[in-house]
Structures are given as C-alpha cells and as structure tokens.
mmCIF file of all heavy atoms, coordinates in Angstrom:
data_MODEL
# 
_entry.id   MODEL 
# 
loop_
_atom_site.group_PDB 
_atom_site.id 
_atom_site.type_symbol 
_atom_site.label_atom_id 
_atom_site.label_alt_id 
_atom_site.label_comp_id 
_atom_site.label_asym_id 
_atom_site.label_entity_id 
_atom_site.label_seq_id 
_atom_site.pdbx_PDB_ins_code 
_atom_site.Cartn_x 
_atom_site.Cartn_y 
_atom_site.Cartn_z 
_atom_site.occupancy 
_atom_site.B_iso_or_equiv 
_atom_site.pdbx_formal_charge 
_atom_site.auth_seq_id 
_atom_site.auth_comp_id 
_atom_site.auth_asym_id 
_atom_site.auth_atom_id 
_atom_site.pdbx_PDB_model_num 
ATOM 1   N N   . ILE A 1 1  ? 0.825   -1.176 0.003   1.00 0.00 ? 1  ILE A N   1 
ATOM 2   C CA  . ILE A 1 1  ? 0.029   0.053  -0.029  1.00 0.00 ? 1  ILE A CA  1 
ATOM 3   C C   . ILE A 1 1  ? 0.888   1.246  -0.018  1.00 0.00 ? 1  ILE A C   1 
ATOM 4   O O   . ILE A 1 1  ? 0.569   2.264  -0.715  1.00 0.00 ? 1  ILE A O   1 
ATOM 5   C CB  . ILE A 1 1  ? -0.956  0.013  1.149   1.00 0.00 ? 1  ILE A CB  1 
ATOM 6   C CG1 . ILE A 1 1  ? -1.944  1.206  1.030   1.00 0.00 ? 1  ILE A CG1 1 
ATOM 7   C CG2 . ILE A 1 1  ? -0.271  -0.044 2.510   1.00 0.00 ? 1  ILE A CG2 1 
ATOM 8   C CD1 . ILE A 1 1  ? -2.861  1.199  -0.234  1.00 0.00 ? 1  ILE A CD1 1 
ATOM 9   N N   . ARG A 1 2  ? 2.007   1.218  0.719   1.00 0.00 ? 2  ARG A N   1 
ATOM 10  C CA  . ARG A 1 2  ? 2.823   2.368  0.650   1.00 0.00 ? 2  ARG A CA  1 
ATOM 11  C C   . ARG A 1 2  ? 3.456   2.658  -0.729  1.00 0.00 ? 2  ARG A C   1 
ATOM 12  O O   . ARG A 1 2  ? 3.604   3.692  -1.181  1.00 0.00 ? 2  ARG A O   1 
ATOM 13  C CB  . ARG A 1 2  ? 3.989   2.265  1.720   1.00 0.00 ? 2  ARG A CB  1 
ATOM 14  C CG  . ARG A 1 2  ? 4.883   3.514  1.860   1.00 0.00 ? 2  ARG A CG  1 
ATOM 15  C CD  . ARG A 1 2  ? 5.930   3.263  2.927   1.00 0.00 ? 2  ARG A CD  1 
ATOM 16  N NE  . ARG A 1 2  ? 7.045   4.280  2.728   1.00 0.00 ? 2  ARG A NE  1 
ATOM 17  C CZ  . ARG A 1 2  ? 8.347   4.095  3.082   1.00 0.00 ? 2  ARG A CZ  1 
ATOM 18  N NH1 . ARG A 1 2  ? 8.639   2.928  3.784   1.00 0.00 ? 2  ARG A NH1 1 
ATOM 19  N NH2 . ARG A 1 2  ? 9.207   4.997  2.841   1.00 0.00 ? 2  ARG A NH2 1 
ATOM 20  N N   . THR A 1 3  ? 3.852   1.487  -1.312  1.00 0.00 ? 3  THR A N   1 
ATOM 21  C CA  . THR A 1 3  ? 4.350   1.627  -2.706  1.00 0.00 ? 3  THR A CA  1 
ATOM 22  C C   . THR A 1 3  ? 3.374   2.206  -3.675  1.00 0.00 ? 3  THR A C   1 
ATOM 23  O O   . THR A 1 3  ? 3.713   3.041  -4.442  1.00 0.00 ? 3  THR A O   1 
ATOM 24  C CB  . THR A 1 3  ? 4.788   0.188  -3.172  1.00 0.00 ? 3  THR A CB  1 
ATOM 25  O OG1 . THR A 1 3  ? 5.739   -0.400 -2.324  1.00 0.00 ? 3  THR A OG1 1 
ATOM 26  C CG2 . THR A 1 3  ? 5.418   0.256  -4.594  1.00 0.00 ? 3  THR A CG2 1 
ATOM 27  N N   . THR A 1 4  ? 2.183   1.778  -3.630  1.00 0.00 ? 4  THR A N   1 
ATOM 28  C CA  . THR A 1 4  ? 1.067   2.275  -4.452  1.00 0.00 ? 4  THR A CA  1 
ATOM 29  C C   . THR A 1 4  ? 0.902   3.731  -4.189  1.00 0.00 ? 4  THR A C   1 
ATOM 30  O O   . THR A 1 4  ? 0.847   4.546  -5.148  1.00 0.00 ? 4  THR A O   1 
ATOM 31  C CB  . THR A 1 4  ? -0.323  1.538  -4.183  1.00 0.00 ? 4  THR A CB  1 
ATOM 32  O OG1 . THR A 1 4  ? -0.025  0.109  -4.403  1.00 0.00 ? 4  THR A OG1 1 
ATOM 33  C CG2 . THR A 1 4  ? -1.300  1.987  -5.162  1.00 0.00 ? 4  THR A CG2 1 
ATOM 34  N N   . TYR A 1 5  ? 0.724   4.135  -2.888  1.00 0.00 ? 5  TYR A N   1 
ATOM 35  C CA  . TYR A 1 5  ? 0.526   5.557  -2.582  1.00 0.00 ? 5  TYR A CA  1 
ATOM 36  C C   . TYR A 1 5  ? 1.584   6.383  -3.071  1.00 0.00 ? 5  TYR A C   1 
ATOM 37  O O   . TYR A 1 5  ? 1.320   7.469  -3.773  1.00 0.00 ? 5  TYR A O   1 
ATOM 38  C CB  . TYR A 1 5  ? 0.341   5.654  -1.051  1.00 0.00 ? 5  TYR A CB  1 
ATOM 39  C CG  . TYR A 1 5  ? 0.185   7.095  -0.550  1.00 0.00 ? 5  TYR A CG  1 
ATOM 40  C CD1 . TYR A 1 5  ? -1.089  7.632  -0.555  1.00 0.00 ? 5  TYR A CD1 1 
ATOM 41  C CD2 . TYR A 1 5  ? 1.296   7.859  -0.222  1.00 0.00 ? 5  TYR A CD2 1 
ATOM 42  C CE1 . TYR A 1 5  ? -1.265  8.993  -0.178  1.00 0.00 ? 5  TYR A CE1 1 
ATOM 43  C CE2 . TYR A 1 5  ? 1.016   9.177  0.196   1.00 0.00 ? 5  TYR A CE2 1 
ATOM 44  C CZ  . TYR A 1 5  ? -0.231  9.704  0.188   1.00 0.00 ? 5  TYR A CZ  1 
ATOM 45  O OH  . TYR A 1 5  ? -0.426  11.092 0.574   1.00 0.00 ? 5  TYR A OH  1 
ATOM 46  N N   . GLU A 1 6  ? 2.852   6.001  -2.859  1.00 0.00 ? 6  GLU A N   1 
ATOM 47  C CA  . GLU A 1 6  ? 4.059   6.914  -3.171  1.00 0.00 ? 6  GLU A CA  1 
ATOM 48  C C   . GLU A 1 6  ? 4.101   6.968  -4.723  1.00 0.00 ? 6  GLU A C   1 
ATOM 49  O O   . GLU A 1 6  ? 4.533   8.001  -5.299  1.00 0.00 ? 6  GLU A O   1 
ATOM 50  C CB  . GLU A 1 6  ? 5.302   6.438  -2.486  1.00 0.00 ? 6  GLU A CB  1 
ATOM 51  C CG  . GLU A 1 6  ? 5.257   6.611  -0.997  1.00 0.00 ? 6  GLU A CG  1 
ATOM 52  C CD  . GLU A 1 6  ? 6.436   6.229  -0.259  1.00 0.00 ? 6  GLU A CD  1 
ATOM 53  O OE1 . GLU A 1 6  ? 7.337   5.668  -0.927  1.00 0.00 ? 6  GLU A OE1 1 
ATOM 54  O OE2 . GLU A 1 6  ? 6.541   6.397  0.997   1.00 0.00 ? 6  GLU A OE2 1 
ATOM 55  N N   . ASN A 1 7  ? 3.867   5.886  -5.455  1.00 0.00 ? 7  ASN A N   1 
ATOM 56  C CA  . ASN A 1 7  ? 3.919   5.927  -6.844  1.00 0.00 ? 7  ASN A CA  1 
ATOM 57  C C   . ASN A 1 7  ? 2.803   6.788  -7.519  1.00 0.00 ? 7  ASN A C   1 
ATOM 58  O O   . ASN A 1 7  ? 3.128   7.518  -8.517  1.00 0.00 ? 7  ASN A O   1 
ATOM 59  C CB  . ASN A 1 7  ? 3.815   4.528  -7.463  1.00 0.00 ? 7  ASN A CB  1 
ATOM 60  C CG  . ASN A 1 7  ? 5.086   3.701  -7.301  1.00 0.00 ? 7  ASN A CG  1 
ATOM 61  O OD1 . ASN A 1 7  ? 6.180   4.275  -6.929  1.00 0.00 ? 7  ASN A OD1 1 
ATOM 62  N ND2 . ASN A 1 7  ? 5.022   2.418  -7.484  1.00 0.00 ? 7  ASN A ND2 1 
ATOM 63  N N   . VAL A 1 8  ? 1.636   6.840  -6.903  1.00 0.00 ? 8  VAL A N   1 
ATOM 64  C CA  . VAL A 1 8  ? 0.652   7.731  -7.375  1.00 0.00 ? 8  VAL A CA  1 
ATOM 65  C C   . VAL A 1 8  ? 1.070   9.201  -7.141  1.00 0.00 ? 8  VAL A C   1 
ATOM 66  O O   . VAL A 1 8  ? 0.861   10.030 -7.983  1.00 0.00 ? 8  VAL A O   1 
ATOM 67  C CB  . VAL A 1 8  ? -0.720  7.447  -6.693  1.00 0.00 ? 8  VAL A CB  1 
ATOM 68  C CG1 . VAL A 1 8  ? -1.798  8.476  -7.171  1.00 0.00 ? 8  VAL A CG1 1 
ATOM 69  C CG2 . VAL A 1 8  ? -1.211  6.034  -7.123  1.00 0.00 ? 8  VAL A CG2 1 
ATOM 70  N N   . VAL A 1 9  ? 1.548   9.533  -5.954  1.00 0.00 ? 9  VAL A N   1 
ATOM 71  C CA  . VAL A 1 9  ? 1.954   10.843 -5.668  1.00 0.00 ? 9  VAL A CA  1 
ATOM 72  C C   . VAL A 1 9  ? 3.087   11.247 -6.587  1.00 0.00 ? 9  VAL A C   1 
ATOM 73  O O   . VAL A 1 9  ? 3.090   12.402 -7.044  1.00 0.00 ? 9  VAL A O   1 
ATOM 74  C CB  . VAL A 1 9  ? 2.512   10.904 -4.184  1.00 0.00 ? 9  VAL A CB  1 
ATOM 75  C CG1 . VAL A 1 9  ? 3.188   12.299 -3.845  1.00 0.00 ? 9  VAL A CG1 1 
ATOM 76  C CG2 . VAL A 1 9  ? 1.383   10.714 -3.180  1.00 0.00 ? 9  VAL A CG2 1 
ATOM 77  N N   . ALA A 1 10 ? 3.972   10.320 -6.905  1.00 0.00 ? 10 ALA A N   1 
ATOM 78  C CA  . ALA A 1 10 ? 5.114   10.731 -7.815  1.00 0.00 ? 10 ALA A CA  1 
ATOM 79  C C   . ALA A 1 10 ? 4.726   10.970 -9.155  1.00 0.00 ? 10 ALA A C   1 
ATOM 80  O O   . ALA A 1 10 ? 5.594   11.639 -9.896  1.00 0.00 ? 10 ALA A O   1 
ATOM 81  C CB  . ALA A 1 10 ? 6.153   9.517  -7.782  1.00 0.00 ? 10 ALA A CB  1 
ATOM 82  N N   . THR A 1 11 ? 3.500   10.665 -9.599  1.00 0.00 ? 11 THR A N   1 
ATOM 83  C CA  . THR A 1 11 ? 3.107   11.067 -10.959 1.00 0.00 ? 11 THR A CA  1 
ATOM 84  C C   . THR A 1 11 ? 3.110   12.526 -11.147 1.00 0.00 ? 11 THR A C   1 
ATOM 85  O O   . THR A 1 11 ? 3.177   13.026 -12.301 1.00 0.00 ? 11 THR A O   1 
ATOM 86  C CB  . THR A 1 11 ? 1.781   10.402 -11.348 1.00 0.00 ? 11 THR A CB  1 
ATOM 87  O OG1 . THR A 1 11 ? 0.709   11.016 -10.570 1.00 0.00 ? 11 THR A OG1 1 
ATOM 88  C CG2 . THR A 1 11 ? 1.832   8.911  -11.185 1.00 0.00 ? 11 THR A CG2 1 
ATOM 89  N N   . GLY A 1 12 ? 2.738   13.272 -10.094 1.00 0.00 ? 12 GLY A N   1 
ATOM 90  C CA  . GLY A 1 12 ? 2.626   14.636 -10.124 1.00 0.00 ? 12 GLY A CA  1 
ATOM 91  C C   . GLY A 1 12 ? 1.394   15.164 -10.882 1.00 0.00 ? 12 GLY A C   1 
ATOM 92  O O   . GLY A 1 12 ? 1.210   16.348 -11.212 1.00 0.00 ? 12 GLY A O   1 
ATOM 93  N N   . LEU A 1 13 ? 0.360   14.251 -11.000 1.00 0.00 ? 13 LEU A N   1 
ATOM 94  C CA  . LEU A 1 13 ? -0.869  14.629 -11.778 1.00 0.00 ? 13 LEU A CA  1 
ATOM 95  C C   . LEU A 1 13 ? -1.985  15.151 -10.885 1.00 0.00 ? 13 LEU A C   1 
ATOM 96  O O   . LEU A 1 13 ? -2.955  15.655 -11.387 1.00 0.00 ? 13 LEU A O   1 
ATOM 97  C CB  . LEU A 1 13 ? -1.326  13.320 -12.459 1.00 0.00 ? 13 LEU A CB  1 
ATOM 98  C CG  . LEU A 1 13 ? -0.432  12.778 -13.563 1.00 0.00 ? 13 LEU A CG  1 
ATOM 99  C CD1 . LEU A 1 13 ? -0.983  11.380 -13.995 1.00 0.00 ? 13 LEU A CD1 1 
ATOM 100 C CD2 . LEU A 1 13 ? -0.415  13.706 -14.771 1.00 0.00 ? 13 LEU A CD2 1 
ATOM 101 N N   . PHE A 1 14 ? -1.744  15.008 -9.549  1.00 0.00 ? 14 PHE A N   1 
ATOM 102 C CA  . PHE A 1 14 ? -2.964  15.286 -8.620  1.00 0.00 ? 14 PHE A CA  1 
ATOM 103 C C   . PHE A 1 14 ? -2.646  16.415 -7.649  1.00 0.00 ? 14 PHE A C   1 
ATOM 104 O O   . PHE A 1 14 ? -1.556  16.609 -7.283  1.00 0.00 ? 14 PHE A O   1 
ATOM 105 C CB  . PHE A 1 14 ? -3.308  13.978 -7.860  1.00 0.00 ? 14 PHE A CB  1 
ATOM 106 C CG  . PHE A 1 14 ? -3.604  12.882 -8.763  1.00 0.00 ? 14 PHE A CG  1 
ATOM 107 C CD1 . PHE A 1 14 ? -2.617  11.926 -9.101  1.00 0.00 ? 14 PHE A CD1 1 
ATOM 108 C CD2 . PHE A 1 14 ? -4.860  12.749 -9.420  1.00 0.00 ? 14 PHE A CD2 1 
ATOM 109 C CE1 . PHE A 1 14 ? -2.879  10.883 -9.940  1.00 0.00 ? 14 PHE A CE1 1 
ATOM 110 C CE2 . PHE A 1 14 ? -5.039  11.685 -10.376 1.00 0.00 ? 14 PHE A CE2 1 
ATOM 111 C CZ  . PHE A 1 14 ? -4.051  10.718 -10.599 1.00 0.00 ? 14 PHE A CZ  1 
ATOM 112 N N   . ASP A 1 15 ? -3.737  17.169 -7.333  1.00 0.00 ? 15 ASP A N   1 
ATOM 113 C CA  . ASP A 1 15 ? -3.640  18.145 -6.302  1.00 0.00 ? 15 ASP A CA  1 
ATOM 114 C C   . ASP A 1 15 ? -3.497  17.472 -4.909  1.00 0.00 ? 15 ASP A C   1 
ATOM 115 O O   . ASP A 1 15 ? -2.959  18.195 -4.015  1.00 0.00 ? 15 ASP A O   1 
ATOM 116 C CB  . ASP A 1 15 ? -4.888  19.076 -6.370  1.00 0.00 ? 15 ASP A CB  1 
ATOM 117 C CG  . ASP A 1 15 ? -4.961  19.841 -7.654  1.00 0.00 ? 15 ASP A CG  1 
ATOM 118 O OD1 . ASP A 1 15 ? -4.146  20.812 -7.815  1.00 0.00 ? 15 ASP A OD1 1 
ATOM 119 O OD2 . ASP A 1 15 ? -5.763  19.468 -8.546  1.00 0.00 ? 15 ASP A OD2 1 
ATOM 120 N N   . ASP A 1 16 ? -4.067  16.284 -4.753  1.00 0.00 ? 16 ASP A N   1 
ATOM 121 C CA  . ASP A 1 16 ? -3.980  15.625 -3.532  1.00 0.00 ? 16 ASP A CA  1 
ATOM 122 C C   . ASP A 1 16 ? -4.176  14.063 -3.697  1.00 0.00 ? 16 ASP A C   1 
ATOM 123 O O   . ASP A 1 16 ? -4.806  13.700 -4.660  1.00 0.00 ? 16 ASP A O   1 
ATOM 124 C CB  . ASP A 1 16 ? -5.086  16.078 -2.492  1.00 0.00 ? 16 ASP A CB  1 
ATOM 125 C CG  . ASP A 1 16 ? -4.477  16.715 -1.250  1.00 0.00 ? 16 ASP A CG  1 
ATOM 126 O OD1 . ASP A 1 16 ? -3.387  16.226 -0.865  1.00 0.00 ? 16 ASP A OD1 1 
ATOM 127 O OD2 . ASP A 1 16 ? -5.112  17.648 -0.669  1.00 0.00 ? 16 ASP A OD2 1 
ATOM 128 N N   . VAL A 1 17 ? -3.596  13.294 -2.831  1.00 0.00 ? 17 VAL A N   1 
ATOM 129 C CA  . VAL A 1 17 ? -3.726  11.840 -2.863  1.00 0.00 ? 17 VAL A CA  1 
ATOM 130 C C   . VAL A 1 17 ? -4.059  11.375 -1.554  1.00 0.00 ? 17 VAL A C   1 
ATOM 131 O O   . VAL A 1 17 ? -3.405  11.712 -0.542  1.00 0.00 ? 17 VAL A O   1 
ATOM 132 C CB  . VAL A 1 17 ? -2.433  11.139 -3.428  1.00 0.00 ? 17 VAL A CB  1 
ATOM 133 C CG1 . VAL A 1 17 ? -2.651  9.647  -3.523  1.00 0.00 ? 17 VAL A CG1 1 
ATOM 134 C CG2 . VAL A 1 17 ? -2.040  11.742 -4.807  1.00 0.00 ? 17 VAL A CG2 1 
ATOM 135 N N   . PHE A 1 18 ? -5.145  10.464 -1.378  1.00 0.00 ? 18 PHE A N   1 
ATOM 136 C CA  . PHE A 1 18 ? -5.590  9.917  -0.173  1.00 0.00 ? 18 PHE A CA  1 
ATOM 137 C C   . PHE A 1 18 ? -5.642  8.390  -0.316  1.00 0.00 ? 18 PHE A C   1 
ATOM 138 O O   . PHE A 1 18 ? -6.079  7.928  -1.311  1.00 0.00 ? 18 PHE A O   1 
ATOM 139 C CB  . PHE A 1 18 ? -6.898  10.398 0.235   1.00 0.00 ? 18 PHE A CB  1 
ATOM 140 C CG  . PHE A 1 18 ? -7.002  11.976 0.352   1.00 0.00 ? 18 PHE A CG  1 
ATOM 141 C CD1 . PHE A 1 18 ? -7.376  12.737 -0.741  1.00 0.00 ? 18 PHE A CD1 1 
ATOM 142 C CD2 . PHE A 1 18 ? -6.747  12.649 1.550   1.00 0.00 ? 18 PHE A CD2 1 
ATOM 143 C CE1 . PHE A 1 18 ? -7.405  14.154 -0.656  1.00 0.00 ? 18 PHE A CE1 1 
ATOM 144 C CE2 . PHE A 1 18 ? -6.881  13.985 1.760   1.00 0.00 ? 18 PHE A CE2 1 
ATOM 145 C CZ  . PHE A 1 18 ? -7.202  14.755 0.573   1.00 0.00 ? 18 PHE A CZ  1 
ATOM 146 N N   . VAL A 1 19 ? -5.426  7.756  0.915   1.00 0.00 ? 19 VAL A N   1 
ATOM 147 C CA  . VAL A 1 19 ? -5.827  6.287  0.978   1.00 0.00 ? 19 VAL A CA  1 
ATOM 148 C C   . VAL A 1 19 ? -7.031  6.345  1.874   1.00 0.00 ? 19 VAL A C   1 
ATOM 149 O O   . VAL A 1 19 ? -7.111  6.966  2.869   1.00 0.00 ? 19 VAL A O   1 
ATOM 150 C CB  . VAL A 1 19 ? -4.686  5.499  1.692   1.00 0.00 ? 19 VAL A CB  1 
ATOM 151 C CG1 . VAL A 1 19 ? -5.188  4.131  2.118   1.00 0.00 ? 19 VAL A CG1 1 
ATOM 152 C CG2 . VAL A 1 19 ? -3.510  5.353  0.787   1.00 0.00 ? 19 VAL A CG2 1 
ATOM 153 N N   . VAL A 1 20 ? -8.092  5.653  1.494   1.00 0.00 ? 20 VAL A N   1 
ATOM 154 C CA  . VAL A 1 20 ? -9.272  5.477  2.343   1.00 0.00 ? 20 VAL A CA  1 
ATOM 155 C C   . VAL A 1 20 ? -9.459  3.979  2.706   1.00 0.00 ? 20 VAL A C   1 
ATOM 156 O O   . VAL A 1 20 ? -9.340  3.106  1.826   1.00 0.00 ? 20 VAL A O   1 
ATOM 157 C CB  . VAL A 1 20 ? -10.592 5.985  1.574   1.00 0.00 ? 20 VAL A CB  1 
ATOM 158 C CG1 . VAL A 1 20 ? -10.756 5.314  0.250   1.00 0.00 ? 20 VAL A CG1 1 
ATOM 159 C CG2 . VAL A 1 20 ? -11.826 5.754  2.490   1.00 0.00 ? 20 VAL A CG2 1 
ATOM 160 N N   . THR A 1 21 ? -9.452  3.743  3.968   1.00 0.00 ? 21 THR A N   1 
ATOM 161 C CA  . THR A 1 21 ? -9.320  2.367  4.397   1.00 0.00 ? 21 THR A CA  1 
ATOM 162 C C   . THR A 1 21 ? -10.204 2.093  5.656   1.00 0.00 ? 21 THR A C   1 
ATOM 163 O O   . THR A 1 21 ? -10.640 3.054  6.439   1.00 0.00 ? 21 THR A O   1 
ATOM 164 C CB  . THR A 1 21 ? -7.868  2.088  4.853   1.00 0.00 ? 21 THR A CB  1 
ATOM 165 O OG1 . THR A 1 21 ? -7.772  0.770  5.264   1.00 0.00 ? 21 THR A OG1 1 
ATOM 166 C CG2 . THR A 1 21 ? -7.371  3.042  5.985   1.00 0.00 ? 21 THR A CG2 1 
ATOM 167 N N   . ASP A 1 22 ? -10.478 0.804  5.900   1.00 0.00 ? 22 ASP A N   1 
ATOM 168 C CA  . ASP A 1 22 ? -11.281 0.407  7.014   1.00 0.00 ? 22 ASP A CA  1 
ATOM 169 C C   . ASP A 1 22 ? -10.338 -0.184 8.078   1.00 0.00 ? 22 ASP A C   1 
ATOM 170 O O   . ASP A 1 22 ? -10.807 -0.736 9.198   1.00 0.00 ? 22 ASP A O   1 
ATOM 171 C CB  . ASP A 1 22 ? -12.303 -0.696 6.686   1.00 0.00 ? 22 ASP A CB  1 
ATOM 172 C CG  . ASP A 1 22 ? -11.652 -1.897 5.972   1.00 0.00 ? 22 ASP A CG  1 
ATOM 173 O OD1 . ASP A 1 22 ? -10.458 -1.971 5.772   1.00 0.00 ? 22 ASP A OD1 1 
ATOM 174 O OD2 . ASP A 1 22 ? -12.367 -2.804 5.698   1.00 0.00 ? 22 ASP A OD2 1 
ATOM 175 N N   . SER A 1 23 ? -9.032  -0.084 7.881   1.00 0.00 ? 23 SER A N   1 
ATOM 176 C CA  . SER A 1 23 ? -7.992  -0.699 8.688   1.00 0.00 ? 23 SER A CA  1 
ATOM 177 C C   . SER A 1 23 ? -7.129  0.378  9.385   1.00 0.00 ? 23 SER A C   1 
ATOM 178 O O   . SER A 1 23 ? -6.492  1.142  8.666   1.00 0.00 ? 23 SER A O   1 
ATOM 179 C CB  . SER A 1 23 ? -7.141  -1.642 7.884   1.00 0.00 ? 23 SER A CB  1 
ATOM 180 O OG  . SER A 1 23 ? -5.942  -2.041 8.556   1.00 0.00 ? 23 SER A OG  1 
ATOM 181 N N   . GLU A 1 24 ? -7.035  0.189  10.724  1.00 0.00 ? 24 GLU A N   1 
ATOM 182 C CA  . GLU A 1 24 ? -6.129  1.131  11.433  1.00 0.00 ? 24 GLU A CA  1 
ATOM 183 C C   . GLU A 1 24 ? -4.708  0.825  11.109  1.00 0.00 ? 24 GLU A C   1 
ATOM 184 O O   . GLU A 1 24 ? -3.836  1.738  11.096  1.00 0.00 ? 24 GLU A O   1 
ATOM 185 C CB  . GLU A 1 24 ? -6.310  0.950  12.944  1.00 0.00 ? 24 GLU A CB  1 
ATOM 186 C CG  . GLU A 1 24 ? -7.619  1.556  13.462  1.00 0.00 ? 24 GLU A CG  1 
ATOM 187 C CD  . GLU A 1 24 ? -7.773  1.518  15.011  1.00 0.00 ? 24 GLU A CD  1 
ATOM 188 O OE1 . GLU A 1 24 ? -6.793  1.107  15.684  1.00 0.00 ? 24 GLU A OE1 1 
ATOM 189 O OE2 . GLU A 1 24 ? -8.896  1.769  15.493  1.00 0.00 ? 24 GLU A OE2 1 
ATOM 190 N N   . LEU A 1 25 ? -4.370  -0.455 10.740  1.00 0.00 ? 25 LEU A N   1 
ATOM 191 C CA  . LEU A 1 25 ? -3.013  -0.855 10.417  1.00 0.00 ? 25 LEU A CA  1 
ATOM 192 C C   . LEU A 1 25 ? -2.563  -0.099 9.127   1.00 0.00 ? 25 LEU A C   1 
ATOM 193 O O   . LEU A 1 25 ? -1.459  0.462  8.993   1.00 0.00 ? 25 LEU A O   1 
ATOM 194 C CB  . LEU A 1 25 ? -2.829  -2.327 10.135  1.00 0.00 ? 25 LEU A CB  1 
ATOM 195 C CG  . LEU A 1 25 ? -2.732  -3.278 11.384  1.00 0.00 ? 25 LEU A CG  1 
ATOM 196 C CD1 . LEU A 1 25 ? -2.772  -4.660 10.920  1.00 0.00 ? 25 LEU A CD1 1 
ATOM 197 C CD2 . LEU A 1 25 ? -1.370  -3.023 12.110  1.00 0.00 ? 25 LEU A CD2 1 
ATOM 198 N N   . ILE A 1 26 ? -3.485  -0.060 8.141   1.00 0.00 ? 26 ILE A N   1 
ATOM 199 C CA  . ILE A 1 26 ? -3.188  0.672  6.867   1.00 0.00 ? 26 ILE A CA  1 
ATOM 200 C C   . ILE A 1 26 ? -3.128  2.139  6.997   1.00 0.00 ? 26 ILE A C   1 
ATOM 201 O O   . ILE A 1 26 ? -2.284  2.788  6.547   1.00 0.00 ? 26 ILE A O   1 
ATOM 202 C CB  . ILE A 1 26 ? -4.194  0.210  5.789   1.00 0.00 ? 26 ILE A CB  1 
ATOM 203 C CG1 . ILE A 1 26 ? -3.966  -1.243 5.407   1.00 0.00 ? 26 ILE A CG1 1 
ATOM 204 C CG2 . ILE A 1 26 ? -4.072  1.092  4.539   1.00 0.00 ? 26 ILE A CG2 1 
ATOM 205 C CD1 . ILE A 1 26 ? -5.053  -1.852 4.540   1.00 0.00 ? 26 ILE A CD1 1 
ATOM 206 N N   . PHE A 1 27 ? -4.105  2.657  7.839   1.00 0.00 ? 27 PHE A N   1 
ATOM 207 C CA  . PHE A 1 27 ? -4.084  4.081  8.140   1.00 0.00 ? 27 PHE A CA  1 
ATOM 208 C C   . PHE A 1 27 ? -2.812  4.542  8.751   1.00 0.00 ? 27 PHE A C   1 
ATOM 209 O O   . PHE A 1 27 ? -2.208  5.446  8.306   1.00 0.00 ? 27 PHE A O   1 
ATOM 210 C CB  . PHE A 1 27 ? -5.277  4.379  9.093   1.00 0.00 ? 27 PHE A CB  1 
ATOM 211 C CG  . PHE A 1 27 ? -5.433  5.798  9.492   1.00 0.00 ? 27 PHE A CG  1 
ATOM 212 C CD1 . PHE A 1 27 ? -6.243  6.676  8.752   1.00 0.00 ? 27 PHE A CD1 1 
ATOM 213 C CD2 . PHE A 1 27 ? -4.727  6.345  10.577  1.00 0.00 ? 27 PHE A CD2 1 
ATOM 214 C CE1 . PHE A 1 27 ? -6.412  7.990  9.069   1.00 0.00 ? 27 PHE A CE1 1 
ATOM 215 C CE2 . PHE A 1 27 ? -4.882  7.659  10.907  1.00 0.00 ? 27 PHE A CE2 1 
ATOM 216 C CZ  . PHE A 1 27 ? -5.667  8.531  10.134  1.00 0.00 ? 27 PHE A CZ  1 
# 
C-alpha cells in the first residue's frame, strides 16, 4: 500500500492523494 501511494503521488498529476481504508494498520 505504501508503494502504491507513493507511486501515485510521484506522478505529479494530482492536487492531493488519499488512502481510504477500514483498517487502522493501513491508516
């Protein structure tokens, strides 16, 4: 999940990037 998040941020295409989760571990 951290790899996915950081790769999406690295595209530079978005004003903001969020993970939405039901898990405190992932949060």
